[in-house]
Amino acid sequence: MKRLGWVERAAVLLAMAGGIVVLIQAFWISYGVFVRYALGSPDRYVTEATALLLVPVAFAGLAYALREDAYPRVTLLTERFSPRVQRYLEFFNMLTMLGIGVFLAIASTSATMRSFQSGSASEVLAWPRFYFWFPVALSLWAFSLYAAYELFGVLWRGPGHHLQHEEKHDGVV
């Protein structure tokens, strides 16, 4: 089955964007600590800004983690089942992930639209809340699309298709 190139690229780009935001947060927090203790003049924006940026960062890597099969698996019991039962369990797992992903994607899309229409903004920075909800919704839709792709992969390839990803890894987690 051919990989969905644009969804994979979106997953990688979202994860990279999340990494860049983490770097920005790290520098901003370091700056805040420096000006507070070295210069005696605290930055009043650092706490709210880094807190607001945590929400988009939390969701940015979901699709990439699914792409890389980075979610933890407990196989102590499941690998003792027959391949047919393993397939059903993997299908149920992916179906659950897809259901939760779509639910959260719909909720975050609704929040994005409501925050855009209302023009609500953060309390201290006055940044529009739309700026924070949009990447969350985008990340959750990318995750949901990739989860749907993986769900169909379970149906077509059967159990253990995720092992194809593990061959690329060097074993270091």
C-alpha atoms as a PDB file:
ATOM      1  CA  MET A   1       0.000   0.000   0.000  1.00  0.00           C
ATOM      2  CA  LYS A   2       1.395   3.416  -0.979  1.00  0.00           C
ATOM      3  CA  ARG A   3       2.178   5.849   1.809  1.00  0.00           C
ATOM      4  CA  LEU A   4       0.221   9.083   1.995  1.00  0.00           C
ATOM      5  CA  GLY A   5       3.062  11.464   1.232  1.00  0.00           C
ATOM      6  CA  TRP A   6       1.296  14.727   2.047  1.00  0.00           C
ATOM      7  CA  VAL A   7      -0.009  13.463   5.395  1.00  0.00           C
ATOM      8  CA  GLU A   8       3.462  12.198   6.308  1.00  0.00           C
ATOM      9  CA  ARG A   9       4.981  15.533   5.307  1.00  0.00           C
ATOM     10  CA  ALA A  10       2.376  17.346   7.393  1.00  0.00           C
ATOM     11  CA  ALA A  11       3.221  15.118  10.362  1.00  0.00           C
ATOM     12  CA  VAL A  12       6.928  15.874  10.020  1.00  0.00           C
ATOM     13  CA  LEU A  13       6.342  19.606   9.532  1.00  0.00           C
ATOM     14  CA  LEU A  14       4.054  19.810  12.555  1.00  0.00           C
ATOM     15  CA  ALA A  15       6.604  17.966  14.696  1.00  0.00           C
ATOM     16  CA  MET A  16       9.356  20.294  13.474  1.00  0.00           C
ATOM     17  CA  ALA A  17       7.188  23.334  14.214  1.00  0.00           C
ATOM     18  CA  GLY A  18       6.578  21.966  17.707  1.00  0.00           C
ATOM     19  CA  GLY A  19      10.323  21.544  18.181  1.00  0.00           C
ATOM     20  CA  ILE A  20      10.943  25.124  17.093  1.00  0.00           C
ATOM     21  CA  VAL A  21       8.330  26.368  19.562  1.00  0.00           C
ATOM     22  CA  VAL A  22      10.020  24.368  22.335  1.00  0.00           C
ATOM     23  CA  LEU A  23      13.332  26.064  21.470  1.00  0.00           C
ATOM     24  CA  ILE A  24      11.645  29.473  21.535  1.00  0.00           C
ATOM     25  CA  GLN A  25      10.156  28.640  24.927  1.00  0.00           C
ATOM     26  CA  ALA A  26      13.527  27.517  26.279  1.00  0.00           C
ATOM     27  CA  PHE A  27      15.234  30.728  25.168  1.00  0.00           C
ATOM     28  CA  TRP A  28      12.379  32.895  26.403  1.00  0.00           C
ATOM     29  CA  ILE A  29      12.336  31.208  29.820  1.00  0.00           C
ATOM     30  CA  SER A  30      16.127  31.526  30.076  1.00  0.00           C
ATOM     31  CA  TYR A  31      15.850  35.200  29.175  1.00  0.00           C
ATOM     32  CA  GLY A  32      13.126  35.632  31.806  1.00  0.00           C
ATOM     33  CA  VAL A  33      15.280  34.037  34.486  1.00  0.00           C
ATOM     34  CA  PHE A  34      18.280  36.166  33.488  1.00  0.00           C
ATOM     35  CA  VAL A  35      16.433  39.486  33.557  1.00  0.00           C
ATOM     36  CA  ARG A  36      14.680  38.601  36.809  1.00  0.00           C
ATOM     37  CA  TYR A  37      17.758  37.602  38.797  1.00  0.00           C
ATOM     38  CA  ALA A  38      20.638  39.361  37.035  1.00  0.00           C
ATOM     39  CA  LEU A  39      18.939  42.636  36.157  1.00  0.00           C
ATOM     40  CA  GLY A  40      16.235  42.665  38.834  1.00  0.00           C
ATOM     41  CA  SER A  41      13.544  43.423  36.254  1.00  0.00           C
ATOM     42  CA  PRO A  42      11.254  40.449  35.590  1.00  0.00           C
ATOM     43  CA  ASP A  43       9.695  39.913  32.171  1.00  0.00           C
ATOM     44  CA  ARG A  44       5.959  39.931  32.842  1.00  0.00           C
ATOM     45  CA  TYR A  45       5.140  38.157  29.563  1.00  0.00           C
ATOM     46  CA  VAL A  46       7.282  35.031  29.830  1.00  0.00           C
ATOM     47  CA  THR A  47       4.970  33.018  32.094  1.00  0.00           C
ATOM     48  CA  GLU A  48       1.799  33.534  30.076  1.00  0.00           C
ATOM     49  CA  ALA A  49       3.507  33.208  26.709  1.00  0.00           C
ATOM     50  CA  THR A  50       5.235  29.938  27.482  1.00  0.00           C
ATOM     51  CA  ALA A  51       2.090  28.554  29.119  1.00  0.00           C
ATOM     52  CA  LEU A  52      -0.017  29.450  26.071  1.00  0.00           C
ATOM     53  CA  LEU A  53       2.522  27.863  23.735  1.00  0.00           C
ATOM     54  CA  LEU A  54       2.434  24.570  25.649  1.00  0.00           C
ATOM     55  CA  VAL A  55      -0.991  23.607  24.310  1.00  0.00           C
ATOM     56  CA  PRO A  56      -0.095  23.688  20.589  1.00  0.00           C
ATOM     57  CA  VAL A  57       3.225  21.974  21.333  1.00  0.00           C
ATOM     58  CA  ALA A  58       1.458  19.173  23.166  1.00  0.00           C
ATOM     59  CA  PHE A  59      -0.490  18.212  20.045  1.00  0.00           C
ATOM     60  CA  ALA A  60       2.044  19.053  17.331  1.00  0.00           C
ATOM     61  CA  GLY A  61       3.836  15.701  17.454  1.00  0.00           C
ATOM     62  CA  LEU A  62       0.836  13.351  17.617  1.00  0.00           C
ATOM     63  CA  ALA A  63       0.787  12.376  13.941  1.00  0.00           C
ATOM     64  CA  TYR A  64       4.572  12.077  13.803  1.00  0.00           C
ATOM     65  CA  ALA A  65       4.601   9.805  16.857  1.00  0.00           C
ATOM     66  CA  LEU A  66       1.995   7.597  15.190  1.00  0.00           C
ATOM     67  CA  ARG A  67       4.016   7.601  11.957  1.00  0.00           C
ATOM     68  CA  GLU A  68       7.113   6.462  13.834  1.00  0.00           C
ATOM     69  CA  ASP A  69       5.140   3.940  15.910  1.00  0.00           C
ATOM     70  CA  ALA A  70       6.371   5.750  19.020  1.00  0.00           C
ATOM     71  CA  TYR A  71       3.349   5.129  21.194  1.00  0.00           C
ATOM     72  CA  PRO A  72       4.030   2.565  23.906  1.00  0.00           C
ATOM     73  CA  ARG A  73       2.785  -0.961  23.377  1.00  0.00           C
ATOM     74  CA  VAL A  74       2.371  -3.592  26.013  1.00  0.00           C
ATOM     75  CA  THR A  75       2.801  -6.842  24.137  1.00  0.00           C
ATOM     76  CA  LEU A  76       3.393  -9.158  27.077  1.00  0.00           C
ATOM     77  CA  LEU A  77      -0.061 -10.659  26.645  1.00  0.00           C
ATOM     78  CA  THR A  78      -1.028  -9.727  23.107  1.00  0.00           C
ATOM     79  CA  GLU A  79       1.855 -11.541  21.412  1.00  0.00           C
ATOM     80  CA  ARG A  80       0.647 -14.792  22.973  1.00  0.00           C
ATOM     81  CA  PHE A  81      -2.628 -14.534  21.074  1.00  0.00           C
ATOM     82  CA  SER A  82      -3.152 -15.928  17.615  1.00  0.00           C
ATOM     83  CA  PRO A  83      -2.445 -13.612  14.656  1.00  0.00           C
ATOM     84  CA  ARG A  84      -6.177 -13.281  14.090  1.00  0.00           C
ATOM     85  CA  VAL A  85      -6.827 -12.088  17.665  1.00  0.00           C
ATOM     86  CA  GLN A  86      -3.803  -9.758  17.423  1.00  0.00           C
ATOM     87  CA  ARG A  87      -5.313  -8.259  14.290  1.00  0.00           C
ATOM     88  CA  TYR A  88      -8.622  -7.628  16.057  1.00  0.00           C
ATOM     89  CA  LEU A  89      -6.851  -6.056  19.039  1.00  0.00           C
ATOM     90  CA  GLU A  90      -4.742  -3.848  16.786  1.00  0.00           C
ATOM     91  CA  PHE A  91      -7.829  -2.862  14.818  1.00  0.00           C
ATOM     92  CA  PHE A  92      -9.653  -1.982  18.051  1.00  0.00           C
ATOM     93  CA  ASN A  93      -6.649   0.033  19.254  1.00  0.00           C
ATOM     94  CA  MET A  94      -6.439   2.018  16.006  1.00  0.00           C
ATOM     95  CA  LEU A  95     -10.214   2.491  15.923  1.00  0.00           C
ATOM     96  CA  THR A  96     -10.092   3.879  19.477  1.00  0.00           C
ATOM     97  CA  MET A  97      -7.216   6.225  18.556  1.00  0.00           C
ATOM     98  CA  LEU A  98      -9.106   7.391  15.469  1.00  0.00           C
ATOM     99  CA  GLY A  99     -12.315   7.967  17.441  1.00  0.00           C
ATOM    100  CA  ILE A 100     -10.573  10.007  20.119  1.00  0.00           C
ATOM    101  CA  GLY A 101      -8.584  11.914  17.484  1.00  0.00           C
ATOM    102  CA  VAL A 102     -11.677  12.836  15.461  1.00  0.00           C
ATOM    103  CA  PHE A 103     -13.591  13.832  18.601  1.00  0.00           C
ATOM    104  CA  LEU A 104     -10.773  16.121  19.746  1.00  0.00           C
ATOM    105  CA  ALA A 105     -10.277  17.460  16.202  1.00  0.00           C
ATOM    106  CA  ILE A 106     -13.957  18.429  15.985  1.00  0.00           C
ATOM    107  CA  ALA A 107     -13.846  20.035  19.442  1.00  0.00           C
ATOM    108  CA  SER A 108     -10.673  21.981  18.660  1.00  0.00           C
ATOM    109  CA  THR A 109     -12.027  23.081  15.275  1.00  0.00           C
ATOM    110  CA  SER A 110     -15.132  24.385  17.039  1.00  0.00           C
ATOM    111  CA  ALA A 111     -12.949  26.203  19.578  1.00  0.00           C
ATOM    112  CA  THR A 112     -10.869  27.649  16.729  1.00  0.00           C
ATOM    113  CA  MET A 113     -13.927  29.018  14.961  1.00  0.00           C
ATOM    114  CA  ARG A 114     -15.482  30.365  18.160  1.00  0.00           C
ATOM    115  CA  SER A 115     -12.272  32.094  19.241  1.00  0.00           C
ATOM    116  CA  PHE A 116     -11.865  33.599  15.779  1.00  0.00           C
ATOM    117  CA  GLN A 117     -15.448  34.867  15.666  1.00  0.00           C
ATOM    118  CA  SER A 118     -15.372  36.265  19.204  1.00  0.00           C
ATOM    119  CA  GLY A 119     -11.950  37.837  18.858  1.00  0.00           C
ATOM    120  CA  SER A 120     -10.999  36.633  22.339  1.00  0.00           C
ATOM    121  CA  ALA A 121      -7.427  37.237  23.403  1.00  0.00           C
ATOM    122  CA  SER A 122      -5.047  36.208  26.162  1.00  0.00           C
ATOM    123  CA  GLU A 123      -5.196  38.298  29.314  1.00  0.00           C
ATOM    124  CA  VAL A 124      -1.664  39.728  29.569  1.00  0.00           C
ATOM    125  CA  LEU A 125      -0.283  39.484  26.042  1.00  0.00           C
ATOM    126  CA  ALA A 126      -3.511  40.255  24.187  1.00  0.00           C
ATOM    127  CA  TRP A 127      -2.614  37.586  21.601  1.00  0.00           C
ATOM    128  CA  PRO A 128      -5.706  36.241  19.810  1.00  0.00           C
ATOM    129  CA  ARG A 129      -6.648  32.813  21.133  1.00  0.00           C
ATOM    130  CA  PHE A 130      -7.244  31.756  17.539  1.00  0.00           C
ATOM    131  CA  TYR A 131      -3.454  31.614  17.133  1.00  0.00           C
ATOM    132  CA  PHE A 132      -3.304  28.846  19.721  1.00  0.00           C
ATOM    133  CA  TRP A 133      -6.384  26.859  18.726  1.00  0.00           C
ATOM    134  CA  PHE A 134      -5.616  26.711  14.996  1.00  0.00           C
ATOM    135  CA  PRO A 135      -2.390  24.668  15.319  1.00  0.00           C
ATOM    136  CA  VAL A 136      -4.127  22.363  17.803  1.00  0.00           C
ATOM    137  CA  ALA A 137      -6.970  21.702  15.347  1.00  0.00           C
ATOM    138  CA  LEU A 138      -4.537  21.256  12.453  1.00  0.00           C
ATOM    139  CA  SER A 139      -2.439  18.803  14.472  1.00  0.00           C
ATOM    140  CA  LEU A 140      -5.459  16.789  15.553  1.00  0.00           C
ATOM    141  CA  TRP A 141      -6.814  16.542  11.997  1.00  0.00           C
ATOM    142  CA  ALA A 142      -3.393  15.404  10.752  1.00  0.00           C
ATOM    143  CA  PHE A 143      -3.317  12.813  13.536  1.00  0.00           C
ATOM    144  CA  SER A 144      -6.836  11.641  12.675  1.00  0.00           C
ATOM    145  CA  LEU A 145      -6.020  11.285   8.981  1.00  0.00           C
ATOM    146  CA  TYR A 146      -2.901   9.318   9.768  1.00  0.00           C
ATOM    147  CA  ALA A 147      -4.794   7.163  12.287  1.00  0.00           C
ATOM    148  CA  ALA A 148      -7.382   6.390   9.571  1.00  0.00           C
ATOM    149  CA  TYR A 149      -4.559   5.464   7.213  1.00  0.00           C
ATOM    150  CA  GLU A 150      -3.025   3.167   9.833  1.00  0.00           C
ATOM    151  CA  LEU A 151      -6.444   1.649  10.564  1.00  0.00           C
ATOM    152  CA  PHE A 152      -6.818   0.687   6.913  1.00  0.00           C
ATOM    153  CA  GLY A 153      -3.250  -0.616   7.038  1.00  0.00           C
ATOM    154  CA  VAL A 154      -4.250  -2.983   9.839  1.00  0.00           C
ATOM    155  CA  LEU A 155      -7.132  -4.244   7.705  1.00  0.00           C
ATOM    156  CA  TRP A 156      -5.027  -4.715   4.565  1.00  0.00           C
ATOM    157  CA  ARG A 157      -1.700  -5.881   5.949  1.00  0.00           C
ATOM    158  CA  GLY A 158      -2.824  -7.659   9.054  1.00  0.00           C
ATOM    159  CA  PRO A 159      -1.225  -7.719  12.481  1.00  0.00           C
ATOM    160  CA  GLY A 160       2.374  -6.740  12.918  1.00  0.00           C
ATOM    161  CA  HIS A 161       2.502  -4.286  10.009  1.00  0.00           C
ATOM    162  CA  HIS A 162       3.943  -1.751  12.468  1.00  0.00           C
ATOM    163  CA  LEU A 163       7.095  -3.870  12.650  1.00  0.00           C
ATOM    164  CA  GLN A 164       8.102  -2.506   9.261  1.00  0.00           C
ATOM    165  CA  HIS A 165       8.826   0.815  10.995  1.00  0.00           C
ATOM    166  CA  GLU A 166      11.020  -0.830  13.633  1.00  0.00           C
ATOM    167  CA  GLU A 167      13.551  -2.014  11.066  1.00  0.00           C
ATOM    168  CA  LYS A 168      14.500   1.631  10.424  1.00  0.00           C
ATOM    169  CA  HIS A 169      15.295   2.295  14.077  1.00  0.00           C
ATOM    170  CA  ASP A 170      18.623   1.611  15.721  1.00  0.00           C
ATOM    171  CA  GLY A 171      16.941   0.318  18.866  1.00  0.00           C
ATOM    172  CA  VAL A 172      17.588   3.410  20.937  1.00  0.00           C
ATOM    173  CA  VAL A 173      14.429   4.854  22.405  1.00  0.00           C
END
